[in-house]
Amino acid sequence: MRLWQRRLRHSPVWHAGTPSGDATAPFLSAKAVSSEGSTHLITMKRIVCDYPYRRKKRERKSPSTTNAVVSPTSGLLTDQASATAETSQASPDYDNFHLVPSHSAGANFLTERFLDPEAFNSAQLKVPVPDIDYLITKDISDLVGDVSNIKAISDQFFSSVKEWMPIVSKTQFLANLVSWLTHKRAELFFLILAMKLSCEQVSGPRTPLYQITKYLQFRIEHSGALSLQVIQASVLIAIYEMGHGIYPAAFLSISECARYATALGIDKSIICRELNGVSRNELEERRRVWWAILVLDRFMNLSDPSRHLVTPDPILENILPVDDAAFNNGTCRPEDAYTLGSATALDLGRFARFAQAAHLIGQVLRHVSEEFSESETAQLRRTIFSLVSVSRLEAHLRQLEFCAQTAVCYWYVYLKWSIRLTR
């Protein structure tokens, strides 16, 4: 037996792979070093070559040498210490999100619809509904829970947030819940997370629930899915960000909502009393979502009227939301909807009054940022106080509260006159 064979036979590697040291065992690869110091590749029987992993110097460097990281949710550079503290609170399983297929037939139809909508409609084409249930991760499933938990979250939402921002029909939601669990599971889960987020009472706004919901929103929007549930959830997220002062996320979210709603055709809901293929109750939901975006867009600019709005100003021919009672009962009729210029009745409802206030917001912002005559300013002031008076009268007759609408009107008056005094 040669010298290097005798050394290898008595080495720890030999005995680790072959306890008996039997040279007649089946062959595997091994390395041995000869007496002359040269390296030989040797095939030996049942010998396990075990090379302990040694970390390179660059891998052993302390992570503290990096002072900034990129946030996975905002894409902004963040201090390492604050980023570590934030991610320690929330660790959504981002790695489990599968990538969307790079190209599909549905993507071709969607591109055609945006680039040449006239040809798309004349050919009577339809965009295939993408299956995005693969976006549901364990983190999301755990937050949503089972059907009973979904019911509990929705009940809390409908008894609180929905009272002053009624953009989701409880009747429609409960009627379609079972169907959505089968065919629109990802969109439903996104809406449930947004409902839960809007009802959450927190000490810090960037909670794990917020981060997971925002990331799911990003993935759904980039999957090409266009649905009413997605825009409803997005509006609720924007309200959460505005209420908790998460900027510039709130500012950008309003713009995203406006663009997404336009892509979905929701902006057409305030100019049509009926739409082919859309039920009356769903059309009313669409109309309320668009009015909510109009309100939020104008409310966002109260702090800086010089900023441009991302939505057009309503006109007198635009259709207001129907009375909240009809919306809640699912009994919406086209003839029940008033236009902005014909809304003289005392049974409009709270959200329709809110929409009227949104119309006045745009005028106030325009008057603040531009020069107008004294007569125009006085007329606008009288109109605002008239809306306050009629809202109070309807609230008294119907035993309702119009706090949000009245507060917004007074804020506009304060803004107008405070700006005027500084000039």
Protein backbone atom coordinates (compact mmCIF):
# COMPACT_ATOMS: atom_id res chain seq x y z
CA MET A 1 0.00 0.00 0.00
CA ARG A 2 1.36 3.40 -0.92
CA LEU A 3 2.15 6.08 1.63
CA TRP A 4 -0.80 8.37 0.71
CA GLN A 5 -3.17 5.38 0.85
CA ARG A 6 -1.99 4.44 4.35
CA ARG A 7 -2.41 8.08 5.52
CA LEU A 8 -5.89 8.35 4.04
CA ARG A 9 -6.92 5.00 5.58
CA HIS A 10 -6.13 6.31 9.09
CA SER A 11 -7.53 9.82 8.53
CA PRO A 12 -10.75 11.08 10.26
CA VAL A 13 -12.41 11.54 6.87
CA TRP A 14 -11.94 7.83 6.08
CA HIS A 15 -13.38 6.67 9.38
CA ALA A 16 -16.26 9.17 9.24
CA GLY A 17 -17.40 7.70 5.96
CA THR A 18 -16.42 4.07 6.63
CA PRO A 19 -16.53 3.13 10.31
CA SER A 20 -14.83 -0.14 9.61
CA GLY A 21 -12.20 1.34 7.36
CA ASP A 22 -12.92 -1.43 4.83
CA ALA A 23 -11.20 -0.69 1.53
CA THR A 24 -13.56 -2.99 -0.34
CA ALA A 25 -16.63 -0.76 0.19
CA PRO A 26 -18.31 1.00 -2.78
CA PHE A 27 -16.42 3.95 -4.22
CA LEU A 28 -17.16 7.68 -3.73
CA SER A 29 -15.02 10.75 -4.40
CA ALA A 30 -12.40 11.96 -1.97
CA LYS A 31 -9.35 14.17 -1.86
CA ALA A 32 -6.05 13.21 -0.42
CA VAL A 33 -2.74 14.89 -0.08
CA SER A 34 0.40 12.94 -0.99
CA SER A 35 3.60 12.99 0.96
CA GLU A 36 5.05 15.33 -1.65
CA GLY A 37 2.25 17.87 -0.94
CA SER A 38 0.47 17.56 -4.28
CA THR A 39 -3.34 17.19 -4.41
CA HIS A 40 -4.87 14.07 -5.93
CA LEU A 41 -8.51 13.35 -6.79
CA ILE A 42 -9.11 9.85 -5.54
CA THR A 43 -12.12 7.59 -5.80
CA MET A 44 -12.55 5.52 -2.66
CA LYS A 45 -15.22 3.18 -1.39
CA ARG A 46 -18.04 4.77 0.66
CA ILE A 47 -15.88 7.71 1.65
CA VAL A 48 -17.75 10.92 2.46
CA CYS A 49 -15.87 14.08 1.54
CA ASP A 50 -16.87 16.66 4.12
CA TYR A 51 -15.57 20.19 3.64
CA PRO A 52 -16.73 22.43 6.50
CA TYR A 53 -18.23 25.69 5.22
CA ARG A 54 -16.06 28.70 5.99
CA ARG A 55 -17.60 32.15 5.76
CA LYS A 56 -15.75 34.64 3.69
CA LYS A 57 -14.47 37.81 5.27
CA ARG A 58 -17.00 40.00 3.49
CA GLU A 59 -19.82 37.86 4.88
CA ARG A 60 -18.50 38.18 8.43
CA LYS A 61 -18.65 41.95 8.35
CA SER A 62 -20.99 43.54 10.85
CA PRO A 63 -24.30 44.74 9.36
CA SER A 64 -23.87 48.00 11.26
CA THR A 65 -21.48 49.18 8.54
CA THR A 66 -24.50 49.81 6.33
CA ASN A 67 -26.23 52.98 7.48
CA ALA A 68 -29.23 52.94 5.18
CA VAL A 69 -31.60 50.38 3.78
CA VAL A 70 -34.46 50.46 1.31
CA SER A 71 -37.88 49.95 2.84
CA PRO A 72 -39.76 47.08 1.13
CA THR A 73 -43.06 48.94 1.33
CA SER A 74 -42.20 52.55 0.54
CA GLY A 75 -39.04 52.14 -1.51
CA LEU A 76 -37.43 54.97 0.46
CA LEU A 77 -34.03 54.98 2.09
CA THR A 78 -34.38 54.54 5.83
CA ASP A 79 -31.92 54.69 8.68
CA GLN A 80 -30.64 51.24 9.58
CA ALA A 81 -31.67 51.47 13.23
CA SER A 82 -35.20 52.67 12.50
CA ALA A 83 -35.58 50.14 9.72
CA THR A 84 -34.54 47.35 12.05
CA ALA A 85 -37.03 48.49 14.66
CA GLU A 86 -39.81 48.72 12.09
CA THR A 87 -39.16 45.37 10.50
CA SER A 88 -38.94 43.74 13.90
CA GLN A 89 -42.57 44.70 14.42
CA ALA A 90 -43.70 43.37 11.06
CA SER A 91 -42.10 40.60 9.11
CA PRO A 92 -44.51 39.76 6.28
CA ASP A 93 -43.44 36.79 4.27
CA TYR A 94 -42.51 38.76 1.14
CA ASP A 95 -40.37 35.92 -0.22
CA ASN A 96 -43.42 33.70 -0.54
CA PHE A 97 -45.05 36.05 -3.06
CA HIS A 98 -44.71 34.34 -6.41
CA LEU A 99 -43.83 36.41 -9.42
CA VAL A 100 -46.52 37.20 -11.96
CA PRO A 101 -45.97 35.50 -15.33
CA SER A 102 -43.99 37.85 -17.53
CA HIS A 103 -46.40 37.56 -20.45
CA SER A 104 -49.89 36.22 -20.93
CA ALA A 105 -52.82 36.42 -23.30
CA GLY A 106 -54.73 38.46 -20.72
CA ALA A 107 -51.94 41.04 -20.70
CA ASN A 108 -52.27 41.42 -24.47
CA PHE A 109 -56.00 42.13 -24.19
CA LEU A 110 -55.39 44.61 -21.37
CA THR A 111 -52.76 46.44 -23.39
CA GLU A 112 -55.09 46.57 -26.40
CA ARG A 113 -57.86 48.00 -24.26
CA PHE A 114 -55.66 50.86 -23.04
CA LEU A 115 -53.91 51.64 -26.32
CA ASP A 116 -56.94 51.44 -28.63
CA PRO A 117 -60.18 51.35 -26.61
CA GLU A 118 -62.32 52.17 -29.66
CA ALA A 119 -61.09 49.15 -31.60
CA PHE A 120 -61.31 47.02 -28.47
CA ASN A 121 -64.97 47.93 -27.92
CA SER A 122 -65.94 47.68 -31.59
CA ALA A 123 -64.53 44.15 -31.70
CA GLN A 124 -66.57 43.36 -28.55
CA LEU A 125 -63.50 42.05 -26.80
CA LYS A 126 -63.28 41.41 -23.08
CA VAL A 127 -60.25 41.29 -20.82
CA PRO A 128 -59.92 37.85 -19.21
CA VAL A 129 -60.21 37.97 -15.43
CA PRO A 130 -56.77 37.04 -14.06
CA ASP A 131 -56.48 34.41 -11.36
CA ILE A 132 -54.47 36.11 -8.61
CA ASP A 133 -55.22 33.80 -5.71
CA TYR A 134 -51.54 32.84 -5.69
CA LEU A 135 -50.91 36.22 -4.00
CA ILE A 136 -52.56 34.97 -0.81
CA THR A 137 -49.79 34.02 1.60
CA LYS A 138 -49.95 32.47 5.05
CA ASP A 139 -49.55 35.92 6.64
CA ILE A 140 -52.60 37.17 4.75
CA SER A 141 -54.67 34.06 5.50
CA ASP A 142 -53.83 34.30 9.19
CA LEU A 143 -54.92 37.95 9.34
CA VAL A 144 -58.18 37.32 7.48
CA GLY A 145 -59.09 34.11 9.29
CA ASP A 146 -62.10 31.92 8.63
CA VAL A 147 -65.63 32.89 7.60
CA SER A 148 -66.68 33.73 11.16
CA ASN A 149 -63.71 36.06 11.50
CA ILE A 150 -64.54 37.69 8.16
CA LYS A 151 -68.08 38.24 9.42
CA ALA A 152 -66.78 39.81 12.63
CA ILE A 153 -64.46 42.19 10.75
CA SER A 154 -67.18 43.24 8.31
CA ASP A 155 -69.71 43.77 11.12
CA GLN A 156 -67.29 46.09 12.89
CA PHE A 157 -66.68 48.01 9.68
CA PHE A 158 -70.35 48.39 8.77
CA SER A 159 -71.17 49.68 12.26
CA SER A 160 -68.37 52.27 12.35
CA VAL A 161 -66.46 53.47 9.27
CA LYS A 162 -69.27 52.75 6.85
CA GLU A 163 -71.56 55.18 8.69
CA TRP A 164 -69.60 58.21 7.44
CA MET A 165 -67.87 56.69 4.38
CA PRO A 166 -70.55 54.36 2.92
CA ILE A 167 -68.81 53.06 -0.20
CA VAL A 168 -69.36 49.33 0.43
CA SER A 169 -72.88 47.91 0.35
CA LYS A 170 -73.51 45.54 3.23
CA THR A 171 -76.29 43.85 1.26
CA GLN A 172 -74.03 43.28 -1.74
CA PHE A 173 -71.15 42.17 0.44
CA LEU A 174 -73.09 39.50 2.31
CA ALA A 175 -74.90 38.32 -0.82
CA ASN A 176 -71.64 37.78 -2.72
CA LEU A 177 -69.44 36.58 0.14
CA VAL A 178 -69.64 32.87 -0.70
CA SER A 179 -69.09 33.53 -4.41
CA TRP A 180 -66.09 35.77 -3.75
CA LEU A 181 -64.51 33.15 -1.51
CA THR A 182 -64.48 30.89 -4.56
CA HIS A 183 -63.87 33.17 -7.53
CA LYS A 184 -62.44 36.43 -6.12
CA ARG A 185 -60.59 35.24 -3.08
CA ALA A 186 -57.59 37.59 -3.37
CA GLU A 187 -59.76 40.68 -3.98
CA LEU A 188 -62.02 39.71 -1.07
CA PHE A 189 -59.08 39.18 1.28
CA PHE A 190 -57.67 42.56 0.24
CA LEU A 191 -60.98 44.26 1.02
CA ILE A 192 -61.22 42.46 4.37
CA LEU A 193 -57.70 43.58 5.31
CA ALA A 194 -58.57 47.18 4.37
CA MET A 195 -61.75 47.00 6.46
CA LYS A 196 -59.78 45.67 9.40
CA LEU A 197 -57.12 48.34 8.93
CA SER A 198 -59.66 51.19 8.84
CA CYS A 199 -61.18 50.00 12.14
CA GLU A 200 -57.86 49.38 13.88
CA GLN A 201 -56.91 51.53 16.88
CA VAL A 202 -53.13 51.72 17.05
CA SER A 203 -50.42 53.69 18.81
CA GLY A 204 -48.17 53.65 15.74
CA PRO A 205 -49.56 53.78 12.19
CA ARG A 206 -47.06 51.55 10.35
CA THR A 207 -48.34 48.33 11.84
CA PRO A 208 -47.74 44.82 10.48
CA LEU A 209 -51.32 44.85 9.18
CA TYR A 210 -50.67 48.10 7.31
CA GLN A 211 -47.45 46.86 5.73
CA ILE A 212 -48.92 43.55 4.59
CA THR A 213 -52.04 45.27 3.22
CA LYS A 214 -49.96 47.80 1.29
CA TYR A 215 -47.77 45.10 -0.20
CA LEU A 216 -50.79 43.08 -1.26
CA GLN A 217 -52.22 46.22 -2.84
CA PHE A 218 -49.03 46.69 -4.83
CA ARG A 219 -49.06 43.11 -6.10
CA ILE A 220 -52.75 43.14 -7.03
CA GLU A 221 -52.47 46.42 -8.94
CA HIS A 222 -49.48 45.15 -10.90
CA SER A 223 -51.18 41.84 -11.69
CA GLY A 224 -53.60 43.61 -14.03
CA ALA A 225 -56.69 42.84 -11.92
CA LEU A 226 -59.38 45.52 -12.21
CA SER A 227 -62.30 45.11 -9.82
CA LEU A 228 -64.60 47.17 -7.64
CA GLN A 229 -63.39 45.43 -4.48
CA VAL A 230 -59.81 46.53 -5.14
CA ILE A 231 -60.66 50.22 -5.52
CA GLN A 232 -62.93 50.12 -2.46
CA ALA A 233 -60.07 48.68 -0.41
CA SER A 234 -57.65 51.24 -1.85
CA VAL A 235 -59.90 54.13 -0.79
CA LEU A 236 -60.07 52.75 2.75
CA ILE A 237 -56.26 52.51 2.83
CA ALA A 238 -55.98 56.14 1.68
CA ILE A 239 -58.35 57.20 4.47
CA TYR A 240 -56.20 55.32 7.01
CA GLU A 241 -53.05 57.03 5.73
CA MET A 242 -54.67 60.47 5.83
CA GLY A 243 -56.04 59.94 9.32
CA HIS A 244 -52.68 58.77 10.68
CA GLY A 245 -50.58 61.32 8.82
CA ILE A 246 -48.64 58.83 6.70
CA TYR A 247 -47.15 61.14 4.07
CA PRO A 248 -46.36 61.19 1.20
CA ALA A 249 -48.09 57.80 1.02
CA ALA A 250 -51.53 59.35 1.59
CA PHE A 251 -50.93 61.99 -1.08
CA LEU A 252 -49.83 59.39 -3.61
CA SER A 253 -52.60 56.93 -2.69
CA ILE A 254 -55.31 59.41 -3.69
CA SER A 255 -53.72 59.76 -7.12
CA GLU A 256 -53.48 55.99 -7.48
CA CYS A 257 -57.15 55.62 -6.53
CA ALA A 258 -58.18 58.18 -9.14
CA ARG A 259 -56.17 56.48 -11.89
CA TYR A 260 -57.33 52.99 -10.96
CA ALA A 261 -60.97 54.10 -10.80
CA THR A 262 -60.66 55.76 -14.21
CA ALA A 263 -59.14 52.59 -15.66
CA LEU A 264 -62.10 50.67 -14.26
CA GLY A 265 -64.55 53.20 -15.73
CA ILE A 266 -65.92 54.24 -12.35
CA ASP A 267 -65.70 57.93 -13.26
CA LYS A 268 -68.53 57.34 -15.77
CA SER A 269 -70.89 56.36 -12.94
CA ILE A 270 -71.76 59.97 -12.07
CA ILE A 271 -72.90 60.79 -15.62
CA CYS A 272 -75.01 57.67 -16.32
CA ARG A 273 -78.13 56.51 -14.52
CA GLU A 274 -77.72 53.00 -15.91
CA LEU A 275 -74.86 50.98 -17.39
CA ASN A 276 -75.14 47.83 -19.48
CA GLY A 277 -74.03 44.75 -17.59
CA VAL A 278 -73.90 46.57 -14.24
CA SER A 279 -76.61 46.11 -11.63
CA ARG A 280 -78.21 49.14 -10.02
CA ASN A 281 -76.71 48.39 -6.63
CA GLU A 282 -73.22 47.93 -8.07
CA LEU A 283 -73.60 51.13 -10.08
CA GLU A 284 -74.45 52.95 -6.87
CA GLU A 285 -71.36 51.50 -5.20
CA ARG A 286 -69.24 52.69 -8.12
CA ARG A 287 -70.79 56.16 -7.92
CA ARG A 288 -70.09 56.40 -4.21
CA VAL A 289 -66.49 55.31 -4.67
CA TRP A 290 -65.91 58.06 -7.23
CA TRP A 291 -67.52 60.70 -5.02
CA ALA A 292 -65.33 59.50 -2.13
CA ILE A 293 -62.24 60.00 -4.29
CA LEU A 294 -63.45 63.50 -5.23
CA VAL A 295 -63.92 64.37 -1.56
CA LEU A 296 -60.53 63.00 -0.48
CA ASP A 297 -58.70 64.67 -3.36
CA ARG A 298 -60.06 68.08 -2.38
CA PHE A 299 -59.68 67.53 1.34
CA MET A 300 -56.02 66.64 0.75
CA ASN A 301 -55.41 70.07 -0.81
CA LEU A 302 -56.87 72.13 2.03
CA SER A 303 -53.40 72.48 3.53
CA ASP A 304 -51.97 73.69 0.21
CA PRO A 305 -54.60 75.00 -2.24
CA SER A 306 -51.92 75.72 -4.85
CA ARG A 307 -51.50 72.00 -5.55
CA HIS A 308 -53.28 70.61 -8.58
CA LEU A 309 -56.21 68.26 -8.13
CA VAL A 310 -56.01 64.84 -9.77
CA THR A 311 -59.76 64.66 -10.44
CA PRO A 312 -61.95 67.05 -12.45
CA ASP A 313 -64.41 69.33 -10.70
CA PRO A 314 -67.99 67.99 -10.60
CA ILE A 315 -70.58 69.74 -12.75
CA LEU A 316 -74.25 70.41 -12.04
CA GLU A 317 -75.35 67.53 -14.30
CA ASN A 318 -73.41 64.92 -12.31
CA ILE A 319 -75.50 62.38 -10.40
CA LEU A 320 -75.36 62.33 -6.62
CA PRO A 321 -75.48 59.18 -4.48
CA VAL A 322 -78.98 58.01 -3.57
CA ASP A 323 -80.35 58.18 -0.05
CA ASP A 324 -78.31 56.06 2.36
CA ALA A 325 -81.39 54.10 3.44
CA ALA A 326 -82.02 52.86 -0.11
CA PHE A 327 -78.35 52.04 -0.50
CA ASN A 328 -78.26 50.05 2.73
CA ASN A 329 -81.39 48.11 1.80
CA GLY A 330 -80.21 47.37 -1.73
CA THR A 331 -83.26 49.05 -3.26
CA CYS A 332 -81.54 51.68 -5.42
CA ARG A 333 -83.55 52.98 -8.37
CA PRO A 334 -82.34 55.31 -11.15
CA GLU A 335 -85.17 57.77 -10.51
CA ASP A 336 -84.13 58.12 -6.86
CA ALA A 337 -80.83 59.80 -7.74
CA TYR A 338 -80.66 63.59 -7.90
CA THR A 339 -78.18 65.61 -9.90
CA LEU A 340 -75.92 68.18 -8.32
CA GLY A 341 -78.02 70.98 -9.79
CA SER A 342 -81.44 69.57 -8.84
CA ALA A 343 -80.77 68.47 -5.27
CA THR A 344 -83.38 70.55 -3.45
CA ALA A 345 -85.15 67.80 -1.52
CA LEU A 346 -84.71 67.09 2.18
CA ASP A 347 -84.19 63.35 1.76
CA LEU A 348 -80.82 63.29 0.04
CA GLY A 349 -78.96 61.52 2.82
CA ARG A 350 -75.62 62.14 4.49
CA PHE A 351 -73.33 60.97 1.72
CA ALA A 352 -75.14 63.00 -0.93
CA ARG A 353 -74.66 66.07 1.27
CA PHE A 354 -71.00 65.11 1.55
CA ALA A 355 -70.84 65.02 -2.26
CA GLN A 356 -72.39 68.49 -2.39
CA ALA A 357 -69.70 69.67 -0.02
CA ALA A 358 -67.06 68.16 -2.31
CA HIS A 359 -68.43 70.28 -5.16
CA LEU A 360 -67.97 73.40 -3.05
CA ILE A 361 -64.46 72.34 -1.99
CA GLY A 362 -63.18 72.68 -5.52
CA GLN A 363 -64.68 76.15 -5.84
CA VAL A 364 -63.16 77.27 -2.54
CA LEU A 365 -59.73 75.92 -3.49
CA ARG A 366 -59.96 77.69 -6.83
CA HIS A 367 -60.98 80.97 -5.16
CA VAL A 368 -58.13 80.71 -2.67
CA SER A 369 -55.46 80.06 -5.30
CA GLU A 370 -56.80 82.60 -7.82
CA GLU A 371 -58.17 86.14 -7.73
CA PHE A 372 -61.96 86.49 -7.89
CA SER A 373 -64.33 89.40 -7.49
CA GLU A 374 -65.99 90.27 -4.20
CA SER A 375 -69.41 89.33 -5.58
CA GLU A 376 -68.25 85.82 -6.53
CA THR A 377 -66.67 85.33 -3.13
CA ALA A 378 -69.83 86.48 -1.36
CA GLN A 379 -71.98 84.16 -3.50
CA LEU A 380 -69.79 81.17 -2.67
CA ARG A 381 -69.98 82.01 1.02
CA ARG A 382 -73.78 82.19 0.89
CA THR A 383 -73.93 78.85 -0.93
CA ILE A 384 -71.79 77.17 1.71
CA PHE A 385 -73.93 78.47 4.57
CA SER A 386 -77.07 77.42 2.69
CA LEU A 387 -75.72 73.86 2.54
CA VAL A 388 -75.02 73.99 6.27
CA SER A 389 -78.59 75.16 6.96
CA VAL A 390 -80.29 72.55 4.78
CA SER A 391 -78.08 69.82 6.25
CA ARG A 392 -79.11 70.83 9.75
CA LEU A 393 -82.77 70.85 8.74
CA GLU A 394 -82.59 67.39 7.19
CA ALA A 395 -80.67 66.11 10.19
CA HIS A 396 -83.40 67.40 12.51
CA LEU A 397 -86.29 66.03 10.46
CA ARG A 398 -84.74 62.59 9.90
CA GLN A 399 -82.92 62.24 13.22
CA LEU A 400 -79.52 62.02 11.55
CA GLU A 401 -76.08 63.45 12.20
CA PHE A 402 -74.28 65.50 9.56
CA CYS A 403 -71.10 66.24 11.50
CA ALA A 404 -68.59 65.51 8.73
CA GLN A 405 -70.46 67.51 6.09
CA THR A 406 -71.01 70.53 8.35
CA ALA A 407 -67.43 70.49 9.63
CA VAL A 408 -66.08 70.46 6.09
CA CYS A 409 -68.24 73.43 5.11
CA TYR A 410 -67.06 75.49 8.08
CA TRP A 411 -63.48 74.57 7.31
CA TYR A 412 -63.85 75.93 3.79
CA VAL A 413 -65.20 79.22 5.12
CA TYR A 414 -62.32 79.46 7.59
CA LEU A 415 -59.78 78.67 4.89
CA LYS A 416 -61.18 81.27 2.52
CA TRP A 417 -61.23 84.08 5.01
CA SER A 418 -57.90 83.23 6.66
CA ILE A 419 -56.17 83.33 3.28
CA ARG A 420 -57.89 86.57 2.43
CA LEU A 421 -56.70 88.24 5.64
CA THR A 422 -53.08 87.36 4.87
CA ARG A 423 -53.17 89.02 1.45
